[in-house]
Amino acid sequence: MATASRMSSYQRREQLIRIGRSLFASKGFEAVSVEEIAATAKVSKPIVYEHFGGKEGLYAVVVDREMRALNDTLLAALAKPDAHPRQIVERTTLALLTYIEENAEGFQVLVRDSPTTDPNSSFSSLLGDVSTRVGEILEEWFRRQKLPAKNAPYYAQMLVGMTVYTGQYWADQRKLSKEQLAALIVNLAWNGLRGMEAKPTLRFEDGRKPQEAAGSPTQSDD
């Protein structure tokens, strides 16, 4: 093992966090070993154990940092619930895409399958918190639009899930700018929200005959 360059304890810790984030992002937790982390940092394995107690400890620190960064980003976007609903959709969508753009490795760590850790610190838990906040905002808007507020949590999950999974696809297929992609997401989300029915039903897959489901000749699905 080559002699490691002199670093302060803080500098070494930050170096290991950067290396860990990169390896976990590219390979996933299970495929990364303490040996590989140490070799990449050009230190001995005991250095990794000294700072983090092992691979699990390093992974937990990486995830915690990324969770905090993403949480702060999304909460800032949702900080003005009295704004126009479309503005909230635009701002939140752009906030997530900006995080993905600026923290590509961190996002990959979050969306990969994680080891069994505290469920309260999981990516799914964070998205659940964001969905709850979005749901609260939608509830108020639904009431003003005379729509059933009880359905707001479901629509909130749809909006957040749609944005996250589209963002995950975009992270690997950067053919659009984040602004262009945000416009596509908002186009679907906002126009869907604006055209919602108070009592939605299935038209073709509810057990009725196709002729009955299609409705009258004058009925439009535009």
Protein backbone atom coordinates (compact mmCIF):
# COMPACT_ATOMS: atom_id res chain seq x y z
CA MET A 1 0.00 0.00 0.00
CA ALA A 2 1.41 3.36 -1.01
CA THR A 3 1.88 5.90 1.75
CA ALA A 4 -1.16 8.14 1.91
CA SER A 5 -0.65 11.84 1.46
CA ARG A 6 -0.91 13.87 4.64
CA MET A 7 -4.44 15.05 5.26
CA SER A 8 -6.21 16.33 8.32
CA SER A 9 -8.81 14.03 9.82
CA TYR A 10 -11.55 16.21 8.33
CA GLN A 11 -9.97 16.17 4.87
CA ARG A 12 -9.55 12.39 4.96
CA ARG A 13 -13.14 11.91 6.05
CA GLU A 14 -14.42 14.14 3.24
CA GLN A 15 -12.25 12.28 0.73
CA LEU A 16 -13.67 8.94 1.83
CA ILE A 17 -17.21 10.30 1.61
CA ARG A 18 -16.60 11.50 -1.97
CA ILE A 19 -15.09 8.16 -2.95
CA GLY A 20 -17.84 6.21 -1.24
CA ARG A 21 -20.55 8.25 -2.96
CA SER A 22 -18.96 7.65 -6.36
CA LEU A 23 -18.56 3.90 -5.81
CA PHE A 24 -22.02 3.39 -4.33
CA ALA A 25 -23.53 5.35 -7.22
CA SER A 26 -21.81 3.32 -9.92
CA LYS A 27 -21.93 -0.15 -8.33
CA GLY A 28 -24.52 -0.17 -5.59
CA PHE A 29 -24.00 -0.89 -1.90
CA GLU A 30 -23.59 -4.66 -2.08
CA ALA A 31 -20.95 -4.60 -4.82
CA VAL A 32 -18.63 -2.18 -3.00
CA SER A 33 -16.11 -3.44 -0.45
CA VAL A 34 -14.05 -1.73 2.23
CA GLU A 35 -10.98 -2.95 0.35
CA GLU A 36 -12.06 -1.10 -2.79
CA ILE A 37 -12.85 2.07 -0.86
CA ALA A 38 -9.46 1.98 0.85
CA ALA A 39 -7.59 1.19 -2.37
CA THR A 40 -9.27 4.04 -4.23
CA ALA A 41 -8.37 6.45 -1.42
CA LYS A 42 -4.85 4.96 -1.22
CA VAL A 43 -5.19 4.26 2.48
CA SER A 44 -5.30 1.11 4.59
CA LYS A 45 -8.60 -0.51 5.56
CA PRO A 46 -8.22 0.46 9.23
CA ILE A 47 -8.48 4.13 8.17
CA VAL A 48 -11.93 3.49 6.74
CA TYR A 49 -12.98 1.63 9.89
CA GLU A 50 -11.56 4.39 12.06
CA HIS A 51 -13.72 7.04 10.40
CA PHE A 52 -16.93 5.13 9.72
CA GLY A 53 -16.80 1.74 11.43
CA GLY A 54 -17.14 0.01 8.07
CA LYS A 55 -18.93 0.17 4.74
CA GLU A 56 -22.36 0.50 6.35
CA GLY A 57 -21.30 3.56 8.33
CA LEU A 58 -19.88 5.28 5.26
CA TYR A 59 -23.00 4.49 3.27
CA ALA A 60 -25.20 5.91 6.02
CA VAL A 61 -23.27 9.19 6.01
CA VAL A 62 -23.49 9.48 2.21
CA VAL A 63 -27.24 8.81 2.22
CA ASP A 64 -27.84 11.21 5.11
CA ARG A 65 -26.03 14.03 3.30
CA GLU A 66 -27.92 13.48 0.07
CA MET A 67 -31.23 13.18 1.89
CA ARG A 68 -30.62 16.47 3.67
CA ALA A 69 -29.63 18.22 0.44
CA LEU A 70 -32.69 16.96 -1.44
CA ASN A 71 -35.01 17.60 1.47
CA ASP A 72 -33.81 21.20 1.81
CA THR A 73 -34.19 21.72 -1.94
CA LEU A 74 -37.76 20.43 -2.07
CA LEU A 75 -38.90 22.14 1.12
CA ALA A 76 -37.61 25.45 -0.22
CA ALA A 77 -39.67 24.90 -3.37
CA LEU A 78 -42.76 24.25 -1.24
CA ALA A 79 -42.13 27.15 1.13
CA LYS A 80 -44.91 29.36 -0.28
CA PRO A 81 -48.07 27.24 -0.29
CA ASP A 82 -50.21 30.30 -1.07
CA ALA A 83 -48.57 30.67 -4.49
CA HIS A 84 -50.51 29.75 -7.62
CA PRO A 85 -50.79 25.93 -7.83
CA ARG A 86 -49.12 25.86 -11.24
CA GLN A 87 -46.19 27.86 -9.86
CA ILE A 88 -45.82 25.30 -7.07
CA VAL A 89 -45.81 22.45 -9.60
CA GLU A 90 -43.24 24.24 -11.76
CA ARG A 91 -41.02 25.20 -8.84
CA THR A 92 -41.05 21.74 -7.26
CA THR A 93 -40.37 20.00 -10.58
CA LEU A 94 -37.45 22.29 -11.37
CA ALA A 95 -36.09 21.88 -7.84
CA LEU A 96 -35.92 18.11 -8.17
CA LEU A 97 -34.39 18.24 -11.66
CA THR A 98 -31.83 20.78 -10.46
CA TYR A 99 -30.84 18.46 -7.63
CA ILE A 100 -30.45 15.58 -10.08
CA GLU A 101 -28.38 17.74 -12.43
CA GLU A 102 -26.07 19.03 -9.70
CA ASN A 103 -25.87 15.84 -7.62
CA ALA A 104 -25.92 13.05 -10.18
CA GLU A 105 -23.97 10.57 -8.06
CA GLY A 106 -25.94 11.39 -4.94
CA PHE A 107 -29.24 10.83 -6.74
CA GLN A 108 -28.04 7.46 -8.04
CA VAL A 109 -27.16 6.44 -4.49
CA LEU A 110 -30.64 7.38 -3.28
CA VAL A 111 -32.60 5.57 -5.98
CA ARG A 112 -30.58 2.36 -5.82
CA ASP A 113 -31.72 -0.41 -3.49
CA SER A 114 -30.32 0.32 -0.06
CA PRO A 115 -29.34 -2.14 2.67
CA THR A 116 -31.62 -2.69 5.64
CA THR A 117 -31.23 0.52 7.61
CA ASP A 118 -33.48 2.89 9.50
CA PRO A 119 -36.65 3.12 7.38
CA ASN A 120 -37.18 6.67 8.61
CA SER A 121 -34.06 7.77 6.72
CA SER A 122 -34.93 6.08 3.43
CA PHE A 123 -35.51 7.77 0.10
CA SER A 124 -39.06 6.43 0.11
CA SER A 125 -39.66 8.06 3.47
CA LEU A 126 -38.44 11.39 2.14
CA LEU A 127 -40.71 11.16 -0.89
CA GLY A 128 -43.55 10.27 1.45
CA ASP A 129 -42.93 13.47 3.43
CA VAL A 130 -42.84 15.53 0.24
CA SER A 131 -46.02 13.88 -1.01
CA THR A 132 -47.73 14.72 2.28
CA ARG A 133 -46.78 18.38 1.90
CA VAL A 134 -47.94 18.44 -1.72
CA GLY A 135 -51.16 16.74 -0.63
CA GLU A 136 -51.83 19.46 1.93
CA ILE A 137 -51.44 22.12 -0.74
CA LEU A 138 -53.68 20.20 -3.15
CA GLU A 139 -56.38 19.79 -0.51
CA GLU A 140 -56.82 23.53 -0.26
CA TRP A 141 -56.89 23.91 -4.02
CA PHE A 142 -59.35 21.03 -4.40
CA ARG A 143 -61.75 22.65 -1.96
CA ARG A 144 -61.67 25.88 -3.93
CA GLN A 145 -62.33 23.91 -7.13
CA LYS A 146 -65.19 21.94 -5.54
CA LEU A 147 -63.28 18.67 -5.89
CA PRO A 148 -63.16 15.90 -3.24
CA ALA A 149 -60.31 16.88 -0.91
CA LYS A 150 -60.09 13.29 0.36
CA ASN A 151 -58.48 12.29 -2.95
CA ALA A 152 -55.68 14.87 -2.69
CA PRO A 153 -53.14 12.46 -1.08
CA TYR A 154 -53.48 10.05 -4.01
CA TYR A 155 -52.94 12.78 -6.57
CA ALA A 156 -49.96 14.03 -4.57
CA GLN A 157 -48.37 10.57 -4.72
CA MET A 158 -48.98 10.48 -8.48
CA LEU A 159 -47.38 13.87 -9.05
CA VAL A 160 -44.30 13.16 -6.95
CA GLY A 161 -43.87 9.64 -8.33
CA MET A 162 -44.24 10.80 -11.91
CA THR A 163 -41.63 13.50 -11.43
CA VAL A 164 -39.13 11.27 -9.61
CA TYR A 165 -39.28 8.40 -12.09
CA THR A 166 -39.13 10.74 -15.06
CA GLY A 167 -36.15 12.43 -13.44
CA GLN A 168 -34.49 9.05 -12.97
CA TYR A 169 -34.95 8.30 -16.67
CA TRP A 170 -33.64 11.75 -17.58
CA ALA A 171 -30.55 11.21 -15.42
CA ASP A 172 -29.52 8.47 -17.87
CA GLN A 173 -30.93 10.10 -21.02
CA ARG A 174 -29.87 13.76 -20.99
CA LYS A 175 -31.38 14.70 -24.34
CA LEU A 176 -33.44 17.57 -22.96
CA SER A 177 -32.49 20.46 -20.74
CA LYS A 178 -34.00 20.43 -17.28
CA GLU A 179 -36.22 23.35 -18.29
CA GLN A 180 -37.51 21.44 -21.33
CA LEU A 181 -38.20 18.34 -19.26
CA ALA A 182 -39.84 20.37 -16.51
CA ALA A 183 -42.15 21.91 -19.11
CA LEU A 184 -43.20 18.43 -20.28
CA ILE A 185 -43.88 17.24 -16.75
CA VAL A 186 -45.81 20.39 -15.88
CA ASN A 187 -47.77 20.13 -19.13
CA LEU A 188 -49.05 16.69 -18.16
CA ALA A 189 -49.45 17.40 -14.46
CA TRP A 190 -51.08 20.83 -14.67
CA ASN A 191 -53.39 20.14 -17.58
CA GLY A 192 -54.40 16.92 -15.87
CA LEU A 193 -55.18 18.80 -12.65
CA ARG A 194 -57.15 21.48 -14.47
CA GLY A 195 -59.33 18.96 -16.27
CA MET A 196 -60.10 16.70 -13.33
CA GLU A 197 -63.61 15.40 -12.81
CA ALA A 198 -65.21 15.47 -9.38
CA LYS A 199 -66.38 11.87 -9.81
CA PRO A 200 -64.04 10.14 -12.27
CA THR A 201 -65.05 6.77 -13.70
CA LEU A 202 -63.59 4.24 -16.10
CA ARG A 203 -65.18 4.51 -19.54
CA PHE A 204 -63.96 1.39 -21.30
CA GLU A 205 -62.73 -1.01 -18.61
CA ASP A 206 -65.59 -0.93 -16.10
CA GLY A 207 -67.42 -4.05 -17.29
CA ARG A 208 -69.85 -2.31 -19.61
CA LYS A 209 -70.19 -3.10 -23.29
CA PRO A 210 -67.97 -0.98 -25.59
CA GLN A 211 -71.03 0.72 -27.13
CA GLU A 212 -72.30 1.79 -23.71
CA ALA A 213 -68.86 2.90 -22.52
CA ALA A 214 -68.28 5.09 -25.55
CA GLY A 215 -71.23 7.28 -24.62
CA SER A 216 -73.33 9.32 -27.00
CA PRO A 217 -71.97 10.49 -30.38
CA THR A 218 -71.78 14.05 -29.09
CA GLN A 219 -69.61 13.16 -26.07
CA SER A 220 -66.00 14.32 -26.38
CA ASP A 221 -62.85 13.03 -24.67
CA ASP A 222 -60.72 16.02 -25.70
